[in-house]
Amino acid sequence: MAKYMLIYTGGMGMAASPEDQQKIMGDWGAWYGAMGAAIVDGGAPFGEAKNVGCDGVADGPLTQDPPTGYTVIEAASLDAAAAACANHPHITHGGHVQVFSCIDMSGQQ
């Protein structure tokens, strides 16, 4: 099984009411539960950012729609990893999930 990184962008942010927050967290918990052992790294939301380049360090992300968090999963293929995100709670709450294949470099010198 190969590894795939899910990068989250957009979304509604933190829900205003405790009830809505509990509902959203329940949706995430259900998705993680359904994924089971396919979750390699449960990930985390992102906070403040800096970007570093050859011209120095600047505040903030590089894009207009910065990533807001990540999860790493295992799947049989990129298509299977994308299919596993079809009902992802980040999507159902207004965001997007980008799925990237992680290239195994363990055999490289």
C-alpha atoms as a PDB file:
ATOM      1  CA  MET A   1       0.000   0.000   0.000  1.00  0.00           C
ATOM      2  CA  ALA A   2       1.242   3.450  -0.865  1.00  0.00           C
ATOM      3  CA  LYS A   3       0.975   6.587   1.248  1.00  0.00           C
ATOM      4  CA  TYR A   4      -1.046   9.636   0.259  1.00  0.00           C
ATOM      5  CA  MET A   5      -1.086  13.061   1.849  1.00  0.00           C
ATOM      6  CA  LEU A   6      -4.408  14.825   2.114  1.00  0.00           C
ATOM      7  CA  ILE A   7      -4.014  18.595   2.197  1.00  0.00           C
ATOM      8  CA  TYR A   8      -7.033  20.580   3.346  1.00  0.00           C
ATOM      9  CA  THR A   9      -7.862  24.047   2.015  1.00  0.00           C
ATOM     10  CA  GLY A  10     -10.811  26.363   2.468  1.00  0.00           C
ATOM     11  CA  GLY A  11     -13.711  25.387   4.654  1.00  0.00           C
ATOM     12  CA  MET A  12     -15.846  27.309   7.036  1.00  0.00           C
ATOM     13  CA  GLY A  13     -13.285  27.670   9.800  1.00  0.00           C
ATOM     14  CA  MET A  14     -14.191  27.116  13.418  1.00  0.00           C
ATOM     15  CA  ALA A  15     -17.944  26.814  13.956  1.00  0.00           C
ATOM     16  CA  ALA A  16     -19.462  29.527  16.117  1.00  0.00           C
ATOM     17  CA  SER A  17     -21.568  27.446  18.483  1.00  0.00           C
ATOM     18  CA  PRO A  18     -20.403  24.605  20.700  1.00  0.00           C
ATOM     19  CA  GLU A  19     -23.156  22.434  19.218  1.00  0.00           C
ATOM     20  CA  ASP A  20     -21.875  23.022  15.667  1.00  0.00           C
ATOM     21  CA  GLN A  21     -18.298  22.386  16.799  1.00  0.00           C
ATOM     22  CA  GLN A  22     -19.385  19.109  18.385  1.00  0.00           C
ATOM     23  CA  LYS A  23     -21.236  18.087  15.180  1.00  0.00           C
ATOM     24  CA  ILE A  24     -18.196  18.830  13.000  1.00  0.00           C
ATOM     25  CA  MET A  25     -15.836  16.984  15.343  1.00  0.00           C
ATOM     26  CA  GLY A  26     -18.273  14.054  15.324  1.00  0.00           C
ATOM     27  CA  ASP A  27     -18.211  14.040  11.505  1.00  0.00           C
ATOM     28  CA  TRP A  28     -14.388  13.992  11.540  1.00  0.00           C
ATOM     29  CA  GLY A  29     -14.375  11.219  14.147  1.00  0.00           C
ATOM     30  CA  ALA A  30     -16.769   9.132  12.034  1.00  0.00           C
ATOM     31  CA  TRP A  31     -14.572   9.571   8.941  1.00  0.00           C
ATOM     32  CA  TYR A  32     -11.418   8.616  10.870  1.00  0.00           C
ATOM     33  CA  GLY A  33     -13.269   5.625  12.325  1.00  0.00           C
ATOM     34  CA  ALA A  34     -14.400   4.478   8.883  1.00  0.00           C
ATOM     35  CA  MET A  35     -10.832   4.802   7.558  1.00  0.00           C
ATOM     36  CA  GLY A  36      -9.475   2.656  10.403  1.00  0.00           C
ATOM     37  CA  ALA A  37      -5.955   1.324   9.850  1.00  0.00           C
ATOM     38  CA  ALA A  38      -5.638   3.284   6.574  1.00  0.00           C
ATOM     39  CA  ILE A  39      -4.816   6.360   8.679  1.00  0.00           C
ATOM     40  CA  VAL A  40      -1.008   6.546   8.845  1.00  0.00           C
ATOM     41  CA  ASP A  41      -0.796   9.983  10.475  1.00  0.00           C
ATOM     42  CA  GLY A  42      -3.959  11.605  11.800  1.00  0.00           C
ATOM     43  CA  GLY A  43      -2.493  14.983  10.950  1.00  0.00           C
ATOM     44  CA  ALA A  44      -3.315  18.331  12.476  1.00  0.00           C
ATOM     45  CA  PRO A  45      -4.715  21.714  11.585  1.00  0.00           C
ATOM     46  CA  PHE A  46      -2.202  24.379  10.565  1.00  0.00           C
ATOM     47  CA  GLY A  47      -1.675  27.680  12.359  1.00  0.00           C
ATOM     48  CA  GLU A  48       0.458  30.694  11.494  1.00  0.00           C
ATOM     49  CA  ALA A  49       2.863  30.420   8.571  1.00  0.00           C
ATOM     50  CA  LYS A  50       6.106  31.807   7.199  1.00  0.00           C
ATOM     51  CA  ASN A  51       7.500  31.199   3.750  1.00  0.00           C
ATOM     52  CA  VAL A  52      11.195  30.861   3.125  1.00  0.00           C
ATOM     53  CA  GLY A  53      12.847  31.433  -0.227  1.00  0.00           C
ATOM     54  CA  CYS A  54      16.155  32.467  -1.720  1.00  0.00           C
ATOM     55  CA  ASP A  55      15.233  36.104  -1.060  1.00  0.00           C
ATOM     56  CA  GLY A  56      14.553  35.582   2.655  1.00  0.00           C
ATOM     57  CA  VAL A  57      11.677  34.941   5.018  1.00  0.00           C
ATOM     58  CA  ALA A  58       8.212  36.464   4.750  1.00  0.00           C
ATOM     59  CA  ASP A  59       5.075  36.209   6.850  1.00  0.00           C
ATOM     60  CA  GLY A  60       2.133  34.127   5.733  1.00  0.00           C
ATOM     61  CA  PRO A  61       1.564  31.367   3.220  1.00  0.00           C
ATOM     62  CA  LEU A  62       2.442  31.577  -0.471  1.00  0.00           C
ATOM     63  CA  THR A  63      -1.085  31.096  -1.822  1.00  0.00           C
ATOM     64  CA  GLN A  64      -4.432  32.860  -1.682  1.00  0.00           C
ATOM     65  CA  ASP A  65      -6.061  29.608  -0.520  1.00  0.00           C
ATOM     66  CA  PRO A  66      -3.537  28.330   2.023  1.00  0.00           C
ATOM     67  CA  PRO A  67      -3.575  24.795   3.375  1.00  0.00           C
ATOM     68  CA  THR A  68      -5.375  24.478   6.690  1.00  0.00           C
ATOM     69  CA  GLY A  69      -4.262  20.978   7.723  1.00  0.00           C
ATOM     70  CA  TYR A  70      -3.272  17.496   6.624  1.00  0.00           C
ATOM     71  CA  THR A  71      -3.744  13.750   7.093  1.00  0.00           C
ATOM     72  CA  VAL A  72      -1.649  10.864   5.707  1.00  0.00           C
ATOM     73  CA  ILE A  73      -3.452   7.703   4.582  1.00  0.00           C
ATOM     74  CA  GLU A  74      -2.575   4.418   2.896  1.00  0.00           C
ATOM     75  CA  ALA A  75      -4.441   3.243  -0.184  1.00  0.00           C
ATOM     76  CA  ALA A  76      -3.990   0.895  -3.121  1.00  0.00           C
ATOM     77  CA  SER A  77      -3.815   3.763  -5.645  1.00  0.00           C
ATOM     78  CA  LEU A  78      -4.232   7.488  -6.081  1.00  0.00           C
ATOM     79  CA  ASP A  79      -7.757   6.852  -7.358  1.00  0.00           C
ATOM     80  CA  ALA A  80      -8.562   4.780  -4.263  1.00  0.00           C
ATOM     81  CA  ALA A  81      -7.163   7.507  -1.997  1.00  0.00           C
ATOM     82  CA  ALA A  82      -9.283  10.132  -3.764  1.00  0.00           C
ATOM     83  CA  ALA A  83     -12.355   7.891  -3.525  1.00  0.00           C
ATOM     84  CA  ALA A  84     -11.771   7.561   0.228  1.00  0.00           C
ATOM     85  CA  CYS A  85     -12.226  11.333   0.438  1.00  0.00           C
ATOM     86  CA  ALA A  86     -15.568  11.432  -1.398  1.00  0.00           C
ATOM     87  CA  ASN A  87     -17.514  12.009   1.837  1.00  0.00           C
ATOM     88  CA  HIS A  88     -14.720  13.686   3.780  1.00  0.00           C
ATOM     89  CA  PRO A  89     -16.079  16.041   6.463  1.00  0.00           C
ATOM     90  CA  HIS A  90     -13.847  18.880   5.270  1.00  0.00           C
ATOM     91  CA  ILE A  91     -15.634  18.776   1.916  1.00  0.00           C
ATOM     92  CA  THR A  92     -19.091  18.561   3.448  1.00  0.00           C
ATOM     93  CA  HIS A  93     -18.252  21.650   5.520  1.00  0.00           C
ATOM     94  CA  GLY A  94     -17.205  23.774   2.535  1.00  0.00           C
ATOM     95  CA  GLY A  95     -13.539  22.922   2.009  1.00  0.00           C
ATOM     96  CA  HIS A  96     -11.425  21.030  -0.491  1.00  0.00           C
ATOM     97  CA  VAL A  97      -9.145  18.022  -0.103  1.00  0.00           C
ATOM     98  CA  GLN A  98      -6.096  17.712  -2.345  1.00  0.00           C
ATOM     99  CA  VAL A  99      -4.667  14.188  -2.540  1.00  0.00           C
ATOM    100  CA  PHE A 100      -0.947  13.789  -3.243  1.00  0.00           C
ATOM    101  CA  SER A 101       0.966  10.539  -3.681  1.00  0.00           C
ATOM    102  CA  CYS A 102       3.974  10.305  -1.364  1.00  0.00           C
ATOM    103  CA  ILE A 103       7.003   8.991  -3.227  1.00  0.00           C
ATOM    104  CA  ASP A 104       8.864   6.352  -1.238  1.00  0.00           C
ATOM    105  CA  MET A 105      12.517   7.441  -1.055  1.00  0.00           C
ATOM    106  CA  SER A 106      13.593   4.800   1.495  1.00  0.00           C
ATOM    107  CA  GLY A 107      15.613   2.869  -1.098  1.00  0.00           C
ATOM    108  CA  GLN A 108      17.425   5.995  -2.338  1.00  0.00           C
ATOM    109  CA  GLN A 109      20.954   6.833  -1.210  1.00  0.00           C
END
